[in-house]
């Protein structure tokens, strides 16, 4: 999928979230989880760390904040 095709998934998201996800998709060329957390804080954290959400280590503070107790 192209980045534009991926971004079609997020049509209708609020402008700030859409912009953050667009930056993420532009960096990683993969979708942000549609059913995962859409918190701008987490999206921007991944961008800043240059790590996709799938690459966040389990001992990462943001991983703990958003996924502790949910993913085993």
N, C-alpha and C. Protein backbone atom coordinates (compact mmCIF):
# COMPACT_ATOMS: atom_id res chain seq x y z
N UNK A 1 0.83 -1.19 0.00
CA UNK A 1 0.00 0.00 0.00
C UNK A 1 0.88 1.25 0.00
N UNK A 2 0.41 2.26 -0.70
CA UNK A 2 1.11 3.54 -0.65
C UNK A 2 0.69 4.30 0.61
N UNK A 3 1.44 5.31 0.96
CA UNK A 3 1.08 6.13 2.12
C UNK A 3 -0.31 6.74 1.95
N UNK A 4 -0.63 7.19 0.76
CA UNK A 4 -1.96 7.78 0.51
C UNK A 4 -3.06 6.75 0.70
N UNK A 5 -2.83 5.54 0.25
CA UNK A 5 -3.82 4.47 0.43
C UNK A 5 -3.98 4.16 1.92
N UNK A 6 -2.88 4.13 2.64
CA UNK A 6 -2.95 3.88 4.08
C UNK A 6 -3.76 4.98 4.76
N UNK A 7 -3.54 6.22 4.38
CA UNK A 7 -4.22 7.34 5.03
C UNK A 7 -5.73 7.34 4.78
N UNK A 8 -6.20 6.67 3.74
CA UNK A 8 -7.64 6.56 3.51
C UNK A 8 -8.34 5.87 4.68
N UNK A 9 -7.62 5.02 5.38
CA UNK A 9 -8.17 4.31 6.54
C UNK A 9 -8.61 5.29 7.62
N UNK A 10 -7.93 6.42 7.72
CA UNK A 10 -8.14 7.36 8.82
C UNK A 10 -9.04 8.54 8.45
N UNK A 11 -9.66 8.47 7.29
CA UNK A 11 -10.58 9.53 6.88
C UNK A 11 -11.67 9.65 7.95
N UNK A 12 -11.92 10.86 8.40
CA UNK A 12 -12.93 11.08 9.42
C UNK A 12 -12.36 11.24 10.82
N UNK A 13 -11.08 10.92 11.00
CA UNK A 13 -10.45 11.17 12.30
C UNK A 13 -10.35 12.68 12.49
N UNK A 14 -10.27 13.14 13.73
CA UNK A 14 -10.12 14.58 13.95
C UNK A 14 -8.79 15.04 13.36
N UNK A 15 -8.72 16.33 13.05
CA UNK A 15 -7.57 16.89 12.31
C UNK A 15 -6.23 16.65 12.99
N UNK A 16 -6.17 16.82 14.31
CA UNK A 16 -4.90 16.66 15.02
C UNK A 16 -4.42 15.21 15.00
N UNK A 17 -5.33 14.30 15.24
CA UNK A 17 -4.97 12.88 15.22
C UNK A 17 -4.58 12.46 13.81
N UNK A 18 -5.33 12.91 12.83
CA UNK A 18 -5.03 12.59 11.43
C UNK A 18 -3.64 13.08 11.06
N UNK A 19 -3.30 14.30 11.45
CA UNK A 19 -1.99 14.87 11.14
C UNK A 19 -0.87 14.07 11.80
N UNK A 20 -1.07 13.67 13.05
CA UNK A 20 -0.05 12.88 13.75
C UNK A 20 0.14 11.52 13.07
N UNK A 21 -0.98 10.88 12.73
CA UNK A 21 -0.90 9.58 12.07
C UNK A 21 -0.25 9.72 10.69
N UNK A 22 -0.56 10.80 9.99
CA UNK A 22 0.05 11.03 8.68
C UNK A 22 1.57 11.15 8.79
N UNK A 23 2.03 11.84 9.81
CA UNK A 23 3.48 11.95 10.03
C UNK A 23 4.08 10.57 10.32
N UNK A 24 3.39 9.78 11.13
CA UNK A 24 3.84 8.42 11.46
C UNK A 24 3.91 7.57 10.19
N UNK A 25 2.84 7.60 9.39
CA UNK A 25 2.79 6.81 8.16
C UNK A 25 3.89 7.26 7.19
N UNK A 26 4.13 8.55 7.11
CA UNK A 26 5.19 9.06 6.24
C UNK A 26 6.57 8.57 6.68
N UNK A 27 6.74 8.40 7.98
CA UNK A 27 8.04 7.95 8.50
C UNK A 27 8.22 6.44 8.34
N UNK A 28 7.18 5.67 8.66
CA UNK A 28 7.32 4.22 8.72
C UNK A 28 6.70 3.47 7.53
N UNK A 29 5.87 4.16 6.75
CA UNK A 29 5.20 3.56 5.58
C UNK A 29 4.39 2.33 5.96
N UNK A 30 3.78 2.41 7.12
CA UNK A 30 2.89 1.36 7.59
C UNK A 30 1.77 2.01 8.41
N UNK A 31 0.63 1.34 8.50
CA UNK A 31 -0.49 1.95 9.22
C UNK A 31 -0.28 1.98 10.73
N UNK A 32 -0.91 2.95 11.34
CA UNK A 32 -1.04 2.99 12.79
C UNK A 32 -2.20 2.08 13.12
N UNK A 33 -2.17 1.33 14.22
CA UNK A 33 -3.27 0.41 14.52
C UNK A 33 -4.62 1.13 14.61
N UNK A 34 -5.55 0.72 13.78
CA UNK A 34 -6.87 1.36 13.73
C UNK A 34 -7.61 1.14 15.05
N UNK A 35 -7.46 -0.03 15.64
CA UNK A 35 -8.18 -0.34 16.87
C UNK A 35 -7.32 -0.15 18.12
N UNK A 36 -6.14 0.40 17.94
CA UNK A 36 -5.26 0.66 19.08
C UNK A 36 -5.49 2.05 19.62
N UNK A 37 -4.67 2.48 20.54
CA UNK A 37 -4.81 3.83 21.09
C UNK A 37 -4.48 4.88 20.03
N UNK A 38 -5.28 5.92 19.98
CA UNK A 38 -5.07 7.00 19.02
C UNK A 38 -4.62 8.27 19.72
N UNK A 39 -4.01 8.11 20.87
CA UNK A 39 -3.53 9.26 21.63
C UNK A 39 -2.34 9.89 20.91
N UNK A 40 -2.44 11.18 20.67
CA UNK A 40 -1.39 11.90 19.97
C UNK A 40 -0.06 11.77 20.71
N UNK A 41 -0.12 11.73 22.02
CA UNK A 41 1.09 11.59 22.83
C UNK A 41 1.88 10.34 22.42
N UNK A 42 1.20 9.23 22.25
CA UNK A 42 1.86 7.97 21.90
C UNK A 42 2.36 8.01 20.46
N UNK A 43 1.58 8.56 19.55
CA UNK A 43 1.98 8.64 18.15
C UNK A 43 3.24 9.50 18.03
N UNK A 44 3.21 10.67 18.66
CA UNK A 44 4.37 11.57 18.60
C UNK A 44 5.59 10.98 19.29
N UNK A 45 5.36 10.21 20.34
CA UNK A 45 6.47 9.54 21.04
C UNK A 45 7.17 8.56 20.10
N UNK A 46 6.40 7.78 19.37
CA UNK A 46 6.98 6.82 18.42
C UNK A 46 7.77 7.55 17.35
N UNK A 47 7.23 8.66 16.87
CA UNK A 47 7.92 9.44 15.85
C UNK A 47 9.23 9.98 16.40
N UNK A 48 9.17 10.55 17.61
CA UNK A 48 10.37 11.12 18.23
C UNK A 48 11.44 10.05 18.45
N UNK A 49 11.02 8.88 18.89
CA UNK A 49 11.96 7.78 19.15
C UNK A 49 12.40 7.06 17.87
N UNK A 50 11.70 7.38 16.76
CA UNK A 50 11.96 6.71 15.48
C UNK A 50 11.78 5.20 15.60
N UNK A 51 10.69 4.84 16.30
CA UNK A 51 10.34 3.44 16.49
C UNK A 51 8.86 3.26 16.18
N UNK A 52 8.55 2.27 15.37
CA UNK A 52 7.14 2.00 15.12
C UNK A 52 6.50 1.50 16.42
N UNK A 53 5.21 1.54 16.48
CA UNK A 53 4.52 1.09 17.70
C UNK A 53 4.85 -0.39 17.98
N UNK A 54 5.05 -1.15 16.92
CA UNK A 54 5.38 -2.57 17.08
C UNK A 54 6.79 -2.80 17.62
N UNK A 55 7.64 -1.78 17.48
CA UNK A 55 9.03 -1.92 17.92
C UNK A 55 9.30 -1.37 19.32
N UNK A 56 8.29 -0.78 19.95
CA UNK A 56 8.50 -0.27 21.31
C UNK A 56 8.81 -1.45 22.23
N UNK A 57 9.89 -1.36 22.99
CA UNK A 57 10.20 -2.45 23.91
C UNK A 57 9.20 -2.50 25.07
N UNK A 58 8.99 -3.68 25.59
CA UNK A 58 8.02 -3.86 26.67
C UNK A 58 8.40 -3.12 27.94
N UNK A 59 9.66 -2.78 28.09
CA UNK A 59 10.08 -2.04 29.28
C UNK A 59 10.08 -0.52 29.06
N UNK A 60 9.55 -0.07 27.95
CA UNK A 60 9.46 1.35 27.64
C UNK A 60 8.34 1.99 28.46
N UNK A 61 8.57 3.22 28.93
CA UNK A 61 7.58 3.89 29.78
C UNK A 61 6.25 4.10 29.06
N UNK A 62 6.26 4.42 27.78
CA UNK A 62 5.01 4.64 27.06
C UNK A 62 4.31 3.32 26.77
N UNK A 63 5.08 2.28 26.53
CA UNK A 63 4.49 0.95 26.35
C UNK A 63 3.72 0.59 27.61
N UNK A 64 4.36 0.80 28.75
CA UNK A 64 3.70 0.52 30.03
C UNK A 64 2.43 1.33 30.18
N UNK A 65 2.50 2.61 29.87
CA UNK A 65 1.36 3.50 30.05
C UNK A 65 0.15 3.06 29.22
N UNK A 66 0.38 2.64 28.00
CA UNK A 66 -0.73 2.33 27.10
C UNK A 66 -1.08 0.86 26.99
N UNK A 67 -0.16 -0.02 27.31
CA UNK A 67 -0.42 -1.44 27.06
C UNK A 67 -0.30 -2.34 28.28
N UNK A 68 0.22 -1.85 29.39
CA UNK A 68 0.41 -2.71 30.56
C UNK A 68 -0.94 -3.29 30.99
N UNK A 69 -0.98 -4.58 31.13
CA UNK A 69 -2.20 -5.25 31.54
C UNK A 69 -3.14 -5.57 30.41
N UNK A 70 -2.86 -5.07 29.20
CA UNK A 70 -3.72 -5.34 28.06
C UNK A 70 -3.10 -6.41 27.17
N UNK A 71 -1.80 -6.27 26.91
CA UNK A 71 -1.09 -7.21 26.04
C UNK A 71 -0.21 -8.10 26.91
N UNK A 72 -0.32 -9.36 26.69
CA UNK A 72 0.47 -10.32 27.47
C UNK A 72 1.47 -11.01 26.59
